[in-house]
PDB file of N, CA and C in Angstrom:
ATOM      1  N   MET A   1     145.353  34.862  80.869  1.00  0.00           N
ATOM      2  CA  MET A   1     146.500  35.699  80.592  1.00  0.00           C
ATOM      3  C   MET A   1     146.807  36.511  81.853  1.00  0.00           C
ATOM      4  N   SER A   2     148.053  36.517  82.254  1.00  0.00           N
ATOM      5  CA  SER A   2     148.449  37.235  83.465  1.00  0.00           C
ATOM      6  C   SER A   2     148.511  38.742  83.206  1.00  0.00           C
ATOM      7  N   ASP A   3     148.586  39.482  84.297  1.00  0.00           N
ATOM      8  CA  ASP A   3     148.699  40.940  84.176  1.00  0.00           C
ATOM      9  C   ASP A   3     149.970  41.334  83.434  1.00  0.00           C
ATOM     10  N   ASN A   4     151.063  40.636  83.682  1.00  0.00           N
ATOM     11  CA  ASN A   4     152.334  40.928  82.999  1.00  0.00           C
ATOM     12  C   ASN A   4     152.212  40.691  81.497  1.00  0.00           C
ATOM     13  N   GLU A   5     151.542  39.624  81.130  1.00  0.00           N
ATOM     14  CA  GLU A   5     151.356  39.327  79.712  1.00  0.00           C
ATOM     15  C   GLU A   5     150.462  40.370  79.049  1.00  0.00           C
ATOM     16  N   ARG A   6     149.409  40.765  79.743  1.00  0.00           N
ATOM     17  CA  ARG A   6     148.515  41.801  79.208  1.00  0.00           C
ATOM     18  C   ARG A   6     149.259  43.123  79.040  1.00  0.00           C
ATOM     19  N   ASP A   7     150.087  43.453  80.018  1.00  0.00           N
ATOM     20  CA  ASP A   7     150.862  44.690  79.958  1.00  0.00           C
ATOM     21  C   ASP A   7     151.851  44.640  78.786  1.00  0.00           C
ATOM     22  N   ALA A   8     152.517  43.519  78.624  1.00  0.00           N
ATOM     23  CA  ALA A   8     153.474  43.369  77.521  1.00  0.00           C
ATOM     24  C   ALA A   8     152.752  43.468  76.174  1.00  0.00           C
ATOM     25  N   LEU A   9     151.605  42.834  76.073  1.00  0.00           N
ATOM     26  CA  LEU A   9     150.821  42.886  74.842  1.00  0.00           C
ATOM     27  C   LEU A   9     150.385  44.325  74.556  1.00  0.00           C
ATOM     28  N   HIS A  10     149.951  45.019  75.578  1.00  0.00           N
ATOM     29  CA  HIS A  10     149.549  46.420  75.428  1.00  0.00           C
ATOM     30  C   HIS A  10     150.730  47.270  74.951  1.00  0.00           C
ATOM     31  N   GLN A  11     151.905  47.055  75.514  1.00  0.00           N
ATOM     32  CA  GLN A  11     153.086  47.811  75.112  1.00  0.00           C
ATOM     33  C   GLN A  11     153.466  47.519  73.656  1.00  0.00           C
ATOM     34  N   VAL A  12     153.368  46.272  73.247  1.00  0.00           N
ATOM     35  CA  VAL A  12     153.681  45.911  71.859  1.00  0.00           C
ATOM     36  C   VAL A  12     152.682  46.565  70.916  1.00  0.00           C
ATOM     37  N   GLN A  13     151.405  46.549  71.279  1.00  0.00           N
ATOM     38  CA  GLN A  13     150.387  47.191  70.448  1.00  0.00           C
ATOM     39  C   GLN A  13     150.625  48.697  70.369  1.00  0.00           C
ATOM     40  N   LYS A  14     150.975  49.291  71.485  1.00  0.00           N
ATOM     41  CA  LYS A  14     151.285  50.719  71.510  1.00  0.00           C
ATOM     42  C   LYS A  14     152.499  51.012  70.628  1.00  0.00           C
ATOM     43  N   TYR A  15     153.510  50.169  70.703  1.00  0.00           N
ATOM     44  CA  TYR A  15     154.710  50.341  69.890  1.00  0.00           C
ATOM     45  C   TYR A  15     154.361  50.279  68.402  1.00  0.00           C
ATOM     46  N   ARG A  16     153.565  49.302  68.025  1.00  0.00           N
ATOM     47  CA  ARG A  16     153.172  49.164  66.617  1.00  0.00           C
ATOM     48  C   ARG A  16     152.419  50.399  66.135  1.00  0.00           C
ATOM     49  N   THR A  17     151.541  50.931  66.965  1.00  0.00           N
ATOM     50  CA  THR A  17     150.799  52.137  66.620  1.00  0.00           C
ATOM     51  C   THR A  17     151.742  53.322  66.453  1.00  0.00           C
ATOM     52  N   ILE A  18     152.683  53.453  67.363  1.00  0.00           N
ATOM     53  CA  ILE A  18     153.646  54.555  67.294  1.00  0.00           C
ATOM     54  C   ILE A  18     154.502  54.447  66.039  1.00  0.00           C
ATOM     55  N   VAL A  19     154.900  53.243  65.663  1.00  0.00           N
ATOM     56  CA  VAL A  19     155.677  53.050  64.434  1.00  0.00           C
ATOM     57  C   VAL A  19     154.875  53.513  63.226  1.00  0.00           C
ATOM     58  N   LEU A  20     153.600  53.183  63.182  1.00  0.00           N
ATOM     59  CA  LEU A  20     152.750  53.617  62.068  1.00  0.00           C
ATOM     60  C   LEU A  20     152.621  55.136  62.018  1.00  0.00           C
ATOM     61  N   VAL A  21     152.498  55.763  63.163  1.00  0.00           N
ATOM     62  CA  VAL A  21     152.428  57.227  63.218  1.00  0.00           C
ATOM     63  C   VAL A  21     153.741  57.824  62.718  1.00  0.00           C
ATOM     64  N   TYR A  22     154.858  57.256  63.173  1.00  0.00           N
ATOM     65  CA  TYR A  22     156.173  57.735  62.731  1.00  0.00           C
ATOM     66  C   TYR A  22     156.310  57.622  61.216  1.00  0.00           C
ATOM     67  N   GLU A  23     155.934  56.485  60.675  1.00  0.00           N
ATOM     68  CA  GLU A  23     156.052  56.271  59.233  1.00  0.00           C
ATOM     69  C   GLU A  23     155.157  57.233  58.445  1.00  0.00           C
ATOM     70  N   ALA A  24     153.967  57.521  58.953  1.00  0.00           N
ATOM     71  CA  ALA A  24     153.065  58.459  58.282  1.00  0.00           C
ATOM     72  C   ALA A  24     153.644  59.872  58.294  1.00  0.00           C
ATOM     73  N   LEU A  25     154.192  60.287  59.425  1.00  0.00           N
ATOM     74  CA  LEU A  25     154.819  61.605  59.506  1.00  0.00           C
ATOM     75  C   LEU A  25     156.021  61.693  58.574  1.00  0.00           C
ATOM     76  N   ASP A  26     156.823  60.649  58.554  1.00  0.00           N
ATOM     77  CA  ASP A  26     158.004  60.623  57.699  1.00  0.00           C
ATOM     78  C   ASP A  26     157.608  60.695  56.218  1.00  0.00           C
ATOM     79  N   ALA A  27     156.557  59.985  55.845  1.00  0.00           N
ATOM     80  CA  ALA A  27     156.084  60.014  54.457  1.00  0.00           C
ATOM     81  C   ALA A  27     155.580  61.403  54.087  1.00  0.00           C
ATOM     82  N   GLU A  28     154.881  62.049  55.010  1.00  0.00           N
ATOM     83  CA  GLU A  28     154.371  63.398  54.736  1.00  0.00           C
ATOM     84  C   GLU A  28     155.526  64.390  54.583  1.00  0.00           C
ATOM     85  N   ILE A  29     156.547  64.244  55.402  1.00  0.00           N
ATOM     86  CA  ILE A  29     157.739  65.092  55.285  1.00  0.00           C
ATOM     87  C   ILE A  29     158.409  64.854  53.938  1.00  0.00           C
ATOM     88  N   ASP A  30     158.553  63.597  53.560  1.00  0.00           N
ATOM     89  CA  ASP A  30     159.164  63.267  52.268  1.00  0.00           C
ATOM     90  C   ASP A  30     158.384  63.872  51.104  1.00  0.00           C
ATOM     91  N   GLU A  31     157.057  63.787  51.158  1.00  0.00           N
ATOM     92  CA  GLU A  31     156.220  64.360  50.103  1.00  0.00           C
ATOM     93  C   GLU A  31     156.398  65.872  50.019  1.00  0.00           C
ATOM     94  N   LEU A  32     156.452  66.507  51.166  1.00  0.00           N
ATOM     95  CA  LEU A  32     156.629  67.955  51.206  1.00  0.00           C
ATOM     96  C   LEU A  32     157.985  68.353  50.628  1.00  0.00           C
ATOM     97  N   LEU A  33     159.018  67.630  51.006  1.00  0.00           N
ATOM     98  CA  LEU A  33     160.352  67.915  50.475  1.00  0.00           C
ATOM     99  C   LEU A  33     160.415  67.655  48.966  1.00  0.00           C
ATOM    100  N   THR A  34     159.849  66.553  48.539  1.00  0.00           N
ATOM    101  CA  THR A  34     159.863  66.205  47.117  1.00  0.00           C
ATOM    102  C   THR A  34     159.162  67.274  46.290  1.00  0.00           C
ATOM    103  N   ALA A  35     158.079  67.804  46.809  1.00  0.00           N
ATOM    104  CA  ALA A  35     157.326  68.834  46.098  1.00  0.00           C
ATOM    105  C   ALA A  35     158.103  70.137  45.953  1.00  0.00           C
ATOM    106  N   HIS A  36     159.172  70.275  46.739  1.00  0.00           N
ATOM    107  CA  HIS A  36     159.963  71.513  46.721  1.00  0.00           C
ATOM    108  C   HIS A  36     161.426  71.236  46.377  1.00  0.00           C
ATOM    109  N   GLY A  37     161.647  70.256  45.535  1.00  0.00           N
ATOM    110  CA  GLY A  37     163.003  69.973  45.065  1.00  0.00           C
ATOM    111  C   GLY A  37     163.944  69.455  46.125  1.00  0.00           C
ATOM    112  N   GLY A  38     163.386  68.933  47.210  1.00  0.00           N
ATOM    113  CA  GLY A  38     164.212  68.336  48.254  1.00  0.00           C
ATOM    114  C   GLY A  38     164.831  69.336  49.214  1.00  0.00           C
ATOM    115  N   LYS A  39     164.424  70.595  49.129  1.00  0.00           N
ATOM    116  CA  LYS A  39     165.039  71.616  49.973  1.00  0.00           C
ATOM    117  C   LYS A  39     163.982  72.480  50.649  1.00  0.00           C
ATOM    118  N   ALA A  40     164.130  72.645  51.943  1.00  0.00           N
ATOM    119  CA  ALA A  40     163.186  73.451  52.711  1.00  0.00           C
ATOM    120  C   ALA A  40     163.251  74.920  52.313  1.00  0.00           C
ATOM    121  N   GLU A  41     164.414  75.385  51.846  1.00  0.00           N
ATOM    122  CA  GLU A  41     164.524  76.803  51.493  1.00  0.00           C
ATOM    123  C   GLU A  41     163.688  77.179  50.273  1.00  0.00           C
ATOM    124  N   PHE A  42     163.214  76.190  49.513  1.00  0.00           N
ATOM    125  CA  PHE A  42     162.352  76.452  48.364  1.00  0.00           C
ATOM    126  C   PHE A  42     160.869  76.473  48.744  1.00  0.00           C
ATOM    127  N   MET A  43     160.566  76.238  50.009  1.00  0.00           N
ATOM    128  CA  MET A  43     159.183  76.175  50.472  1.00  0.00           C
ATOM    129  C   MET A  43     158.638  77.556  50.779  1.00  0.00           C
ATOM    130  N   SER A  44     157.324  77.675  50.653  1.00  0.00           N
ATOM    131  CA  SER A  44     156.654  78.892  51.112  1.00  0.00           C
ATOM    132  C   SER A  44     156.746  78.923  52.641  1.00  0.00           C
ATOM    133  N   ASP A  45     156.439  80.061  53.202  1.00  0.00           N
ATOM    134  CA  ASP A  45     156.466  80.171  54.669  1.00  0.00           C
ATOM    135  C   ASP A  45     155.513  79.174  55.314  1.00  0.00           C
ATOM    136  N   ALA A  46     154.344  79.012  54.723  1.00  0.00           N
ATOM    137  CA  ALA A  46     153.355  78.075  55.281  1.00  0.00           C
ATOM    138  C   ALA A  46     153.858  76.633  55.187  1.00  0.00           C
ATOM    139  N   ASP A  47     154.437  76.264  54.039  1.00  0.00           N
ATOM    140  CA  ASP A  47     154.955  74.904  53.879  1.00  0.00           C
ATOM    141  C   ASP A  47     156.148  74.656  54.801  1.00  0.00           C
ATOM    142  N   ARG A  48     156.984  75.670  54.976  1.00  0.00           N
ATOM    143  CA  ARG A  48     158.138  75.516  55.861  1.00  0.00           C
ATOM    144  C   ARG A  48     157.679  75.346  57.304  1.00  0.00           C
ATOM    145  N   ALA A  49     156.664  76.102  57.699  1.00  0.00           N
ATOM    146  CA  ALA A  49     156.119  75.967  59.054  1.00  0.00           C
ATOM    147  C   ALA A  49     155.530  74.564  59.242  1.00  0.00           C
ATOM    148  N   ARG A  50     154.841  74.068  58.231  1.00  0.00           N
ATOM    149  CA  ARG A  50     154.282  72.708  58.281  1.00  0.00           C
ATOM    150  C   ARG A  50     155.401  71.677  58.394  1.00  0.00           C
ATOM    151  N   TYR A  51     156.458  71.871  57.610  1.00  0.00           N
ATOM    152  CA  TYR A  51     157.625  70.980  57.627  1.00  0.00           C
ATOM    153  C   TYR A  51     158.250  70.939  59.025  1.00  0.00           C
ATOM    154  N   VAL A  52     158.444  72.099  59.616  1.00  0.00           N
ATOM    155  CA  VAL A  52     159.047  72.178  60.957  1.00  0.00           C
ATOM    156  C   VAL A  52     158.154  71.481  61.978  1.00  0.00           C
ATOM    157  N   GLU A  53     156.853  71.697  61.893  1.00  0.00           N
ATOM    158  CA  GLU A  53     155.915  71.067  62.822  1.00  0.00           C
ATOM    159  C   GLU A  53     155.911  69.543  62.662  1.00  0.00           C
ATOM    160  N   LEU A  54     155.894  69.080  61.417  1.00  0.00           N
ATOM    161  CA  LEU A  54     155.936  67.633  61.170  1.00  0.00           C
ATOM    162  C   LEU A  54     157.226  67.022  61.701  1.00  0.00           C
ATOM    163  N   ALA A  55     158.341  67.697  61.474  1.00  0.00           N
ATOM    164  CA  ALA A  55     159.634  67.188  61.950  1.00  0.00           C
ATOM    165  C   ALA A  55     159.667  67.135  63.477  1.00  0.00           C
ATOM    166  N   ARG A  56     159.086  68.145  64.127  1.00  0.00           N
ATOM    167  CA  ARG A  56     159.029  68.161  65.592  1.00  0.00           C
ATOM    168  C   ARG A  56     158.205  66.987  66.107  1.00  0.00           C
ATOM    169  N   LYS A  57     157.039  66.786  65.491  1.00  0.00           N
ATOM    170  CA  LYS A  57     156.185  65.661  65.896  1.00  0.00           C
ATOM    171  C   LYS A  57     156.887  64.325  65.662  1.00  0.00           C
ATOM    172  N   ARG A  58     157.557  64.202  64.510  1.00  0.00           N
ATOM    173  CA  ARG A  58     158.268  62.961  64.200  1.00  0.00           C
ATOM    174  C   ARG A  58     159.347  62.695  65.249  1.00  0.00           C
ATOM    175  N   ASP A  59     160.066  63.735  65.663  1.00  0.00           N
ATOM    176  CA  ASP A  59     161.098  63.566  66.695  1.00  0.00           C
ATOM    177  C   ASP A  59     160.494  63.112  68.019  1.00  0.00           C
ATOM    178  N   GLU A  60     159.341  63.670  68.381  1.00  0.00           N
ATOM    179  CA  GLU A  60     158.664  63.257  69.616  1.00  0.00           C
ATOM    180  C   GLU A  60     158.256  61.790  69.550  1.00  0.00           C
ATOM    181  N   VAL A  61     157.716  61.398  68.406  1.00  0.00           N
ATOM    182  CA  VAL A  61     157.286  60.006  68.225  1.00  0.00           C
ATOM    183  C   VAL A  61     158.494  59.071  68.254  1.00  0.00           C
ATOM    184  N   LEU A  62     159.593  59.493  67.640  1.00  0.00           N
ATOM    185  CA  LEU A  62     160.814  58.683  67.664  1.00  0.00           C
ATOM    186  C   LEU A  62     161.299  58.479  69.100  1.00  0.00           C
ATOM    187  N   ASN A  63     161.224  59.519  69.913  1.00  0.00           N
ATOM    188  CA  ASN A  63     161.609  59.385  71.317  1.00  0.00           C
ATOM    189  C   ASN A  63     160.713  58.387  72.043  1.00  0.00           C
ATOM    190  N   GLU A  64     159.401  58.436  71.768  1.00  0.00           N
ATOM    191  CA  GLU A  64     158.477  57.460  72.362  1.00  0.00           C
ATOM    192  C   GLU A  64     158.844  56.044  71.930  1.00  0.00           C
ATOM    193  N   MET A  65     159.168  55.896  70.650  1.00  0.00           N
ATOM    194  CA  MET A  65     159.549  54.571  70.135  1.00  0.00           C
ATOM    195  C   MET A  65     160.778  54.047  70.865  1.00  0.00           C
ATOM    196  N   ARG A  66     161.760  54.899  71.044  1.00  0.00           N
ATOM    197  CA  ARG A  66     163.003  54.476  71.707  1.00  0.00           C
ATOM    198  C   ARG A  66     162.763  54.063  73.154  1.00  0.00           C
ATOM    199  N   ILE A  67     161.905  54.801  73.837  1.00  0.00           N
ATOM    200  CA  ILE A  67     161.579  54.447  75.220  1.00  0.00           C
ATOM    201  C   ILE A  67     160.914  53.070  75.265  1.00  0.00           C
ATOM    202  N   LEU A  68     159.943  52.841  74.389  1.00  0.00           N
ATOM    203  CA  LEU A  68     159.265  51.546  74.357  1.00  0.00           C
ATOM    204  C   LEU A  68     160.218  50.429  73.927  1.00  0.00           C
ATOM    205  N   GLU A  69     161.123  50.724  73.002  1.00  0.00           N
ATOM    206  CA  GLU A  69     162.101  49.716  72.591  1.00  0.00           C
ATOM    207  C   GLU A  69     162.949  49.275  73.771  1.00  0.00           C
ATOM    208  N   GLN A  70     163.337  50.226  74.618  1.00  0.00           N
ATOM    209  CA  GLN A  70     164.117  49.878  75.805  1.00  0.00           C
ATOM    210  C   GLN A  70     163.283  49.038  76.766  1.00  0.00           C
ATOM    211  N   GLN A  71     162.024  49.424  76.947  1.00  0.00           N
ATOM    212  CA  GLN A  71     161.151  48.687  77.860  1.00  0.00           C
ATOM    213  C   GLN A  71     160.875  47.274  77.349  1.00  0.00           C
ATOM    214  N   LEU A  72     160.777  47.137  76.017  1.00  0.00           N
ATOM    215  CA  LEU A  72     160.469  45.835  75.419  1.00  0.00           C
ATOM    216  C   LEU A  72     161.713  45.051  75.057  1.00  0.00           C
ATOM    217  N   HIS A  73     162.865  45.659  75.281  1.00  0.00           N
ATOM    218  CA  HIS A  73     164.152  45.027  74.954  1.00  0.00           C
ATOM    219  C   HIS A  73     164.258  44.692  73.477  1.00  0.00           C
ATOM    220  N   ILE A  74     163.877  45.673  72.640  1.00  0.00           N
ATOM    221  CA  ILE A  74     163.950  45.501  71.194  1.00  0.00           C
ATOM    222  C   ILE A  74     165.302  45.998  70.725  1.00  0.00           C
ATOM    223  N   ASP A  75     166.033  45.121  70.071  1.00  0.00           N
ATOM    224  CA  ASP A  75     167.331  45.487  69.494  1.00  0.00           C
ATOM    225  C   ASP A  75     167.202  45.509  67.990  1.00  0.00           C
ATOM    226  N   GLU A  76     167.840  46.480  67.362  1.00  0.00           N
ATOM    227  CA  GLU A  76     167.798  46.518  65.894  1.00  0.00           C
ATOM    228  C   GLU A  76     168.878  45.647  65.325  1.00  0.00           C
TER     229      GLU A  76
END
Protein backbone atom coordinates (compact mmCIF):
# COMPACT_ATOMS: atom_id res chain seq x y z
CA MET A 1 0.00 0.00 0.00
CA SER A 2 1.43 3.37 -0.99
CA ASP A 3 1.77 6.34 1.33
CA ASN A 4 -1.07 8.11 -0.51
CA GLU A 5 -3.35 5.13 -0.03
CA ARG A 6 -2.46 4.88 3.66
CA ASP A 7 -3.11 8.59 4.09
CA ALA A 8 -6.48 8.34 2.32
CA LEU A 9 -7.43 5.33 4.44
CA HIS A 10 -6.43 7.20 7.59
CA GLN A 11 -8.54 10.21 6.56
CA VAL A 12 -11.57 8.00 5.86
CA GLN A 13 -11.18 6.30 9.24
CA LYS A 14 -10.86 9.68 10.92
CA TYR A 15 -13.97 10.90 9.08
CA ARG A 16 -15.97 7.87 10.21
CA THR A 17 -14.90 8.45 13.81
CA ILE A 18 -15.85 12.12 13.62
CA VAL A 19 -19.28 11.22 12.21
CA LEU A 20 -19.87 8.88 15.16
CA VAL A 21 -18.86 11.61 17.61
CA TYR A 22 -21.19 14.07 15.86
CA GLU A 23 -24.09 11.62 15.99
CA ALA A 24 -23.49 10.91 19.70
CA LEU A 25 -23.45 14.63 20.53
CA ASP A 26 -26.57 15.20 18.46
CA ALA A 27 -28.38 12.34 20.22
CA GLU A 28 -27.41 13.71 23.63
CA ILE A 29 -28.70 17.16 22.64
CA ASP A 30 -31.95 15.60 21.41
CA GLU A 31 -32.38 13.70 24.69
CA LEU A 32 -31.78 16.85 26.70
CA LEU A 33 -34.28 18.82 24.64
CA THR A 34 -36.87 16.03 24.77
CA ALA A 35 -36.58 15.88 28.55
CA HIS A 36 -37.48 19.58 28.70
CA GLY A 37 -40.37 19.74 26.26
CA GLY A 38 -38.16 20.61 23.31
CA LYS A 39 -37.23 24.04 24.65
CA ALA A 40 -34.01 25.23 26.23
CA GLU A 41 -35.87 27.87 28.24
CA PHE A 42 -37.46 25.07 30.31
CA MET A 43 -34.04 23.76 31.36
CA SER A 44 -32.32 24.32 34.66
CA ASP A 45 -29.21 26.47 34.57
CA ALA A 46 -27.03 23.36 34.74
CA ASP A 47 -28.92 21.62 31.91
CA ARG A 48 -28.83 24.77 29.79
CA ALA A 49 -25.08 25.09 30.32
CA ARG A 50 -24.69 21.43 29.32
CA TYR A 51 -26.86 22.04 26.24
CA VAL A 52 -24.76 25.04 25.18
CA GLU A 53 -21.52 23.08 25.68
CA LEU A 54 -22.82 20.09 23.70
CA ALA A 55 -23.99 22.37 20.88
CA ARG A 56 -20.58 24.08 20.79
CA LYS A 57 -18.79 20.74 20.60
CA ARG A 58 -21.19 19.51 17.91
CA ASP A 59 -20.48 22.64 15.84
CA GLU A 60 -16.73 22.07 16.16
CA VAL A 61 -17.10 18.45 15.08
CA LEU A 62 -19.31 19.49 12.15
CA ASN A 63 -16.58 21.89 11.01
CA GLU A 64 -14.02 19.06 11.18
CA MET A 65 -16.37 16.86 9.14
CA ARG A 66 -16.75 19.54 6.47
CA ILE A 67 -13.00 20.01 6.19
CA LEU A 68 -12.46 16.27 5.76
CA GLU A 69 -15.33 16.06 3.27
CA GLN A 70 -13.58 18.67 1.14
CA GLN A 71 -10.27 16.84 1.42
CA LEU A 72 -11.91 13.51 0.54
CA HIS A 73 -14.14 15.03 -2.14
CA ILE A 74 -17.30 13.77 -0.47
CA ASP A 75 -20.47 15.17 -1.99
CA GLU A 76 -23.85 14.75 -0.37
